[in-house]
Amino acid sequence: MKRIIALISILWALGAVAQEAKKLPSLHTEGRWLVDKHGNQVVLHGVMDTPNMYFNGWR
């Protein structure tokens, strides 16, 4: 049990380090739009993942 907890802790720490390594550009709003620091409009796309097998290709 201690090994599992240690492994989970290590993986969590590695994930946190990986997130710090990639600094994303900052976004802000202008009116109803998200824009980057150069004033370009940014569109964010989401992902739908559901536990319902019908919607995720029966996996």
PDB file of N, CA and C in Angstrom:
ATOM      1  N   MET A   1       0.824  -1.196   0.000  1.00  0.00           N
ATOM      2  CA  MET A   1       0.000   0.000   0.000  1.00  0.00           C
ATOM      3  C   MET A   1       0.873   1.267   0.000  1.00  0.00           C
ATOM      4  N   LYS A   2       1.972   1.225   0.756  1.00  0.00           N
ATOM      5  CA  LYS A   2       2.860   2.378   0.806  1.00  0.00           C
ATOM      6  C   LYS A   2       3.506   2.632  -0.550  1.00  0.00           C
ATOM      7  N   ARG A   3       3.790   1.564  -1.285  1.00  0.00           N
ATOM      8  CA  ARG A   3       4.389   1.729  -2.612  1.00  0.00           C
ATOM      9  C   ARG A   3       3.416   2.400  -3.573  1.00  0.00           C
ATOM     10  N   ILE A   4       2.158   2.044  -3.472  1.00  0.00           N
ATOM     11  CA  ILE A   4       1.147   2.652  -4.344  1.00  0.00           C
ATOM     12  C   ILE A   4       1.016   4.133  -4.047  1.00  0.00           C
ATOM     13  N   ILE A   5       0.980   4.479  -2.779  1.00  0.00           N
ATOM     14  CA  ILE A   5       0.875   5.888  -2.398  1.00  0.00           C
ATOM     15  C   ILE A   5       2.115   6.654  -2.853  1.00  0.00           C
ATOM     16  N   ALA A   6       3.289   6.037  -2.703  1.00  0.00           N
ATOM     17  CA  ALA A   6       4.519   6.695  -3.152  1.00  0.00           C
ATOM     18  C   ALA A   6       4.516   6.889  -4.665  1.00  0.00           C
ATOM     19  N   LEU A   7       4.055   5.890  -5.409  1.00  0.00           N
ATOM     20  CA  LEU A   7       4.000   5.988  -6.862  1.00  0.00           C
ATOM     21  C   LEU A   7       3.031   7.077  -7.297  1.00  0.00           C
ATOM     22  N   ILE A   8       1.879   7.134  -6.674  1.00  0.00           N
ATOM     23  CA  ILE A   8       0.894   8.176  -6.999  1.00  0.00           C
ATOM     24  C   ILE A   8       1.469   9.555  -6.694  1.00  0.00           C
ATOM     25  N   SER A   9       2.168   9.683  -5.578  1.00  0.00           N
ATOM     26  CA  SER A   9       2.776  10.971  -5.216  1.00  0.00           C
ATOM     27  C   SER A   9       3.825  11.402  -6.232  1.00  0.00           C
ATOM     28  N   ILE A  10       4.629  10.452  -6.690  1.00  0.00           N
ATOM     29  CA  ILE A  10       5.657  10.769  -7.676  1.00  0.00           C
ATOM     30  C   ILE A  10       5.020  11.200  -8.987  1.00  0.00           C
ATOM     31  N   LEU A  11       4.023  10.460  -9.442  1.00  0.00           N
ATOM     32  CA  LEU A  11       3.347  10.818 -10.686  1.00  0.00           C
ATOM     33  C   LEU A  11       2.668  12.175 -10.580  1.00  0.00           C
ATOM     34  N   TRP A  12       2.072  12.476  -9.445  1.00  0.00           N
ATOM     35  CA  TRP A  12       1.434  13.771  -9.241  1.00  0.00           C
ATOM     36  C   TRP A  12       2.466  14.892  -9.306  1.00  0.00           C
ATOM     37  N   ALA A  13       3.616  14.667  -8.679  1.00  0.00           N
ATOM     38  CA  ALA A  13       4.668  15.690  -8.677  1.00  0.00           C
ATOM     39  C   ALA A  13       5.216  15.905 -10.087  1.00  0.00           C
ATOM     40  N   LEU A  14       5.392  14.834 -10.843  1.00  0.00           N
ATOM     41  CA  LEU A  14       5.878  14.976 -12.216  1.00  0.00           C
ATOM     42  C   LEU A  14       4.872  15.737 -13.073  1.00  0.00           C
ATOM     43  N   GLY A  15       3.590  15.494 -12.859  1.00  0.00           N
ATOM     44  CA  GLY A  15       2.561  16.225 -13.591  1.00  0.00           C
ATOM     45  C   GLY A  15       2.585  17.702 -13.262  1.00  0.00           C
ATOM     46  N   ALA A  16       2.828  18.031 -12.012  1.00  0.00           N
ATOM     47  CA  ALA A  16       2.891  19.438 -11.607  1.00  0.00           C
ATOM     48  C   ALA A  16       4.097  20.127 -12.242  1.00  0.00           C
ATOM     49  N   VAL A  17       5.213  19.437 -12.326  1.00  0.00           N
ATOM     50  CA  VAL A  17       6.408  20.000 -12.950  1.00  0.00           C
ATOM     51  C   VAL A  17       6.167  20.214 -14.441  1.00  0.00           C
ATOM     52  N   ALA A  18       5.495  19.270 -15.085  1.00  0.00           N
ATOM     53  CA  ALA A  18       5.224  19.390 -16.517  1.00  0.00           C
ATOM     54  C   ALA A  18       4.322  20.587 -16.794  1.00  0.00           C
ATOM     55  N   GLN A  19       3.387  20.866 -15.920  1.00  0.00           N
ATOM     56  CA  GLN A  19       2.503  22.010 -16.104  1.00  0.00           C
ATOM     57  C   GLN A  19       3.264  23.316 -15.968  1.00  0.00           C
ATOM     58  N   GLU A  20       4.229  23.371 -15.090  1.00  0.00           N
ATOM     59  CA  GLU A  20       5.026  24.581 -14.911  1.00  0.00           C
ATOM     60  C   GLU A  20       5.952  24.823 -16.092  1.00  0.00           C
ATOM     61  N   ALA A  21       6.347  23.753 -16.778  1.00  0.00           N
ATOM     62  CA  ALA A  21       7.297  23.895 -17.878  1.00  0.00           C
ATOM     63  C   ALA A  21       6.669  24.593 -19.075  1.00  0.00           C
ATOM     64  N   LYS A  22       5.375  24.414 -19.288  1.00  0.00           N
ATOM     65  CA  LYS A  22       4.706  25.017 -20.438  1.00  0.00           C
ATOM     66  C   LYS A  22       3.959  26.264 -19.985  1.00  0.00           C
ATOM     67  N   LYS A  23       4.512  27.398 -20.216  1.00  0.00           N
ATOM     68  CA  LYS A  23       3.832  28.649 -19.904  1.00  0.00           C
ATOM     69  C   LYS A  23       3.006  29.064 -21.107  1.00  0.00           C
ATOM     70  N   LEU A  24       1.718  29.152 -20.923  1.00  0.00           N
ATOM     71  CA  LEU A  24       0.829  29.544 -22.007  1.00  0.00           C
ATOM     72  C   LEU A  24       0.719  31.057 -22.067  1.00  0.00           C
ATOM     73  N   PRO A  25       0.473  31.598 -23.256  1.00  0.00           N
ATOM     74  CA  PRO A  25       0.313  33.046 -23.362  1.00  0.00           C
ATOM     75  C   PRO A  25      -0.940  33.500 -22.616  1.00  0.00           C
ATOM     76  N   SER A  26      -0.880  34.689 -22.068  1.00  0.00           N
ATOM     77  CA  SER A  26      -2.012  35.191 -21.308  1.00  0.00           C
ATOM     78  C   SER A  26      -3.125  35.644 -22.248  1.00  0.00           C
ATOM     79  N   LEU A  27      -4.354  35.476 -21.793  1.00  0.00           N
ATOM     80  CA  LEU A  27      -5.534  35.908 -22.537  1.00  0.00           C
ATOM     81  C   LEU A  27      -6.293  36.917 -21.699  1.00  0.00           C
ATOM     82  N   HIS A  28      -7.016  37.803 -22.363  1.00  0.00           N
ATOM     83  CA  HIS A  28      -7.896  38.724 -21.666  1.00  0.00           C
ATOM     84  C   HIS A  28      -9.119  38.955 -22.546  1.00  0.00           C
ATOM     85  N   THR A  29     -10.092  39.656 -22.019  1.00  0.00           N
ATOM     86  CA  THR A  29     -11.311  39.894 -22.780  1.00  0.00           C
ATOM     87  C   THR A  29     -11.345  41.321 -23.300  1.00  0.00           C
ATOM     88  N   GLU A  30     -11.890  41.456 -24.484  1.00  0.00           N
ATOM     89  CA  GLU A  30     -12.215  42.758 -25.063  1.00  0.00           C
ATOM     90  C   GLU A  30     -13.645  42.628 -25.562  1.00  0.00           C
ATOM     91  N   GLY A  31     -14.560  43.237 -24.821  1.00  0.00           N
ATOM     92  CA  GLY A  31     -15.968  43.043 -25.145  1.00  0.00           C
ATOM     93  C   GLY A  31     -16.364  41.617 -24.843  1.00  0.00           C
ATOM     94  N   ARG A  32     -16.851  40.919 -25.862  1.00  0.00           N
ATOM     95  CA  ARG A  32     -17.246  39.523 -25.645  1.00  0.00           C
ATOM     96  C   ARG A  32     -16.214  38.540 -26.186  1.00  0.00           C
ATOM     97  N   TRP A  33     -15.053  38.990 -26.571  1.00  0.00           N
ATOM     98  CA  TRP A  33     -14.036  38.148 -27.192  1.00  0.00           C
ATOM     99  C   TRP A  33     -12.857  37.900 -26.272  1.00  0.00           C
ATOM    100  N   LEU A  34     -12.288  36.707 -26.374  1.00  0.00           N
ATOM    101  CA  LEU A  34     -11.000  36.418 -25.753  1.00  0.00           C
ATOM    102  C   LEU A  34      -9.933  36.816 -26.753  1.00  0.00           C
ATOM    103  N   VAL A  35      -8.942  37.549 -26.310  1.00  0.00           N
ATOM    104  CA  VAL A  35      -7.876  37.983 -27.198  1.00  0.00           C
ATOM    105  C   VAL A  35      -6.524  37.727 -26.544  1.00  0.00           C
ATOM    106  N   ASP A  36      -5.493  37.564 -27.379  1.00  0.00           N
ATOM    107  CA  ASP A  36      -4.139  37.396 -26.856  1.00  0.00           C
ATOM    108  C   ASP A  36      -3.490  38.764 -26.675  1.00  0.00           C
ATOM    109  N   LYS A  37      -2.227  38.775 -26.309  1.00  0.00           N
ATOM    110  CA  LYS A  37      -1.568  40.049 -26.015  1.00  0.00           C
ATOM    111  C   LYS A  37      -1.375  40.912 -27.250  1.00  0.00           C
ATOM    112  N   HIS A  38      -1.526  40.329 -28.452  1.00  0.00           N
ATOM    113  CA  HIS A  38      -1.396  41.088 -29.695  1.00  0.00           C
ATOM    114  C   HIS A  38      -2.745  41.558 -30.237  1.00  0.00           C
ATOM    115  N   GLY A  39      -3.837  41.243 -29.525  1.00  0.00           N
ATOM    116  CA  GLY A  39      -5.163  41.652 -29.965  1.00  0.00           C
ATOM    117  C   GLY A  39      -5.854  40.683 -30.902  1.00  0.00           C
ATOM    118  N   ASN A  40      -5.260  39.506 -31.147  1.00  0.00           N
ATOM    119  CA  ASN A  40      -5.877  38.499 -32.006  1.00  0.00           C
ATOM    120  C   ASN A  40      -6.970  37.752 -31.253  1.00  0.00           C
ATOM    121  N   GLN A  41      -8.122  37.543 -31.893  1.00  0.00           N
ATOM    122  CA  GLN A  41      -9.196  36.794 -31.262  1.00  0.00           C
ATOM    123  C   GLN A  41      -8.791  35.330 -31.122  1.00  0.00           C
ATOM    124  N   VAL A  42      -9.145  34.744 -29.983  1.00  0.00           N
ATOM    125  CA  VAL A  42      -8.789  33.366 -29.679  1.00  0.00           C
ATOM    126  C   VAL A  42     -10.067  32.570 -29.494  1.00  0.00           C
ATOM    127  N   VAL A  43     -10.125  31.385 -30.108  1.00  0.00           N
ATOM    128  CA  VAL A  43     -11.263  30.488 -29.955  1.00  0.00           C
ATOM    129  C   VAL A  43     -10.779  29.248 -29.212  1.00  0.00           C
ATOM    130  N   LEU A  44     -11.423  28.927 -28.099  1.00  0.00           N
ATOM    131  CA  LEU A  44     -11.074  27.747 -27.329  1.00  0.00           C
ATOM    132  C   LEU A  44     -12.035  26.622 -27.692  1.00  0.00           C
ATOM    133  N   HIS A  45     -11.520  25.435 -27.892  1.00  0.00           N
ATOM    134  CA  HIS A  45     -12.337  24.273 -28.216  1.00  0.00           C
ATOM    135  C   HIS A  45     -12.296  23.309 -27.040  1.00  0.00           C
ATOM    136  N   GLY A  46     -13.448  22.780 -26.658  1.00  0.00           N
ATOM    137  CA  GLY A  46     -13.534  21.848 -25.553  1.00  0.00           C
ATOM    138  C   GLY A  46     -13.574  20.411 -26.032  1.00  0.00           C
ATOM    139  N   VAL A  47     -13.578  19.511 -25.093  1.00  0.00           N
ATOM    140  CA  VAL A  47     -13.633  18.086 -25.381  1.00  0.00           C
ATOM    141  C   VAL A  47     -14.771  17.491 -24.571  1.00  0.00           C
ATOM    142  N   MET A  48     -15.611  16.697 -25.251  1.00  0.00           N
ATOM    143  CA  MET A  48     -16.683  16.005 -24.542  1.00  0.00           C
ATOM    144  C   MET A  48     -16.257  14.564 -24.342  1.00  0.00           C
ATOM    145  N   ASP A  49     -16.085  14.169 -23.116  1.00  0.00           N
ATOM    146  CA  ASP A  49     -15.795  12.778 -22.810  1.00  0.00           C
ATOM    147  C   ASP A  49     -16.728  12.373 -21.693  1.00  0.00           C
ATOM    148  N   THR A  50     -17.555  11.412 -21.965  1.00  0.00           N
ATOM    149  CA  THR A  50     -18.571  11.004 -21.015  1.00  0.00           C
ATOM    150  C   THR A  50     -18.425   9.516 -20.724  1.00  0.00           C
ATOM    151  N   PRO A  51     -18.798   9.069 -19.554  1.00  0.00           N
ATOM    152  CA  PRO A  51     -18.730   7.634 -19.265  1.00  0.00           C
ATOM    153  C   PRO A  51     -19.815   6.835 -19.995  1.00  0.00           C
ATOM    154  N   ASN A  52     -20.770   7.508 -20.633  1.00  0.00           N
ATOM    155  CA  ASN A  52     -21.819   6.820 -21.356  1.00  0.00           C
ATOM    156  C   ASN A  52     -21.227   6.190 -22.616  1.00  0.00           C
ATOM    157  N   MET A  53     -21.319   4.879 -22.751  1.00  0.00           N
ATOM    158  CA  MET A  53     -20.693   4.167 -23.863  1.00  0.00           C
ATOM    159  C   MET A  53     -21.260   4.576 -25.216  1.00  0.00           C
ATOM    160  N   TYR A  54     -22.512   4.986 -25.268  1.00  0.00           N
ATOM    161  CA  TYR A  54     -23.122   5.388 -26.535  1.00  0.00           C
ATOM    162  C   TYR A  54     -22.378   6.561 -27.170  1.00  0.00           C
ATOM    163  N   PHE A  55     -21.923   7.512 -26.350  1.00  0.00           N
ATOM    164  CA  PHE A  55     -21.295   8.723 -26.857  1.00  0.00           C
ATOM    165  C   PHE A  55     -19.800   8.607 -27.091  1.00  0.00           C
ATOM    166  N   ASN A  56     -19.141   7.561 -26.558  1.00  0.00           N
ATOM    167  CA  ASN A  56     -17.686   7.482 -26.707  1.00  0.00           C
ATOM    168  C   ASN A  56     -17.249   6.236 -27.487  1.00  0.00           C
ATOM    169  N   GLY A  57     -18.013   5.849 -28.474  1.00  0.00           N
ATOM    170  CA  GLY A  57     -17.618   4.755 -29.358  1.00  0.00           C
ATOM    171  C   GLY A  57     -17.601   3.391 -28.696  1.00  0.00           C
ATOM    172  N   TRP A  58     -18.433   3.172 -27.717  1.00  0.00           N
ATOM    173  CA  TRP A  58     -18.562   1.883 -26.998  1.00  0.00           C
ATOM    174  C   TRP A  58     -17.249   1.445 -26.355  1.00  0.00           C
ATOM    175  N   ARG A  59     -16.443   2.416 -25.914  1.00  0.00           N
ATOM    176  CA  ARG A  59     -15.209   2.047 -25.191  1.00  0.00           C
ATOM    177  C   ARG A  59     -15.429   2.153 -23.720  1.00  0.00           C
TER     178      ARG A  59
END
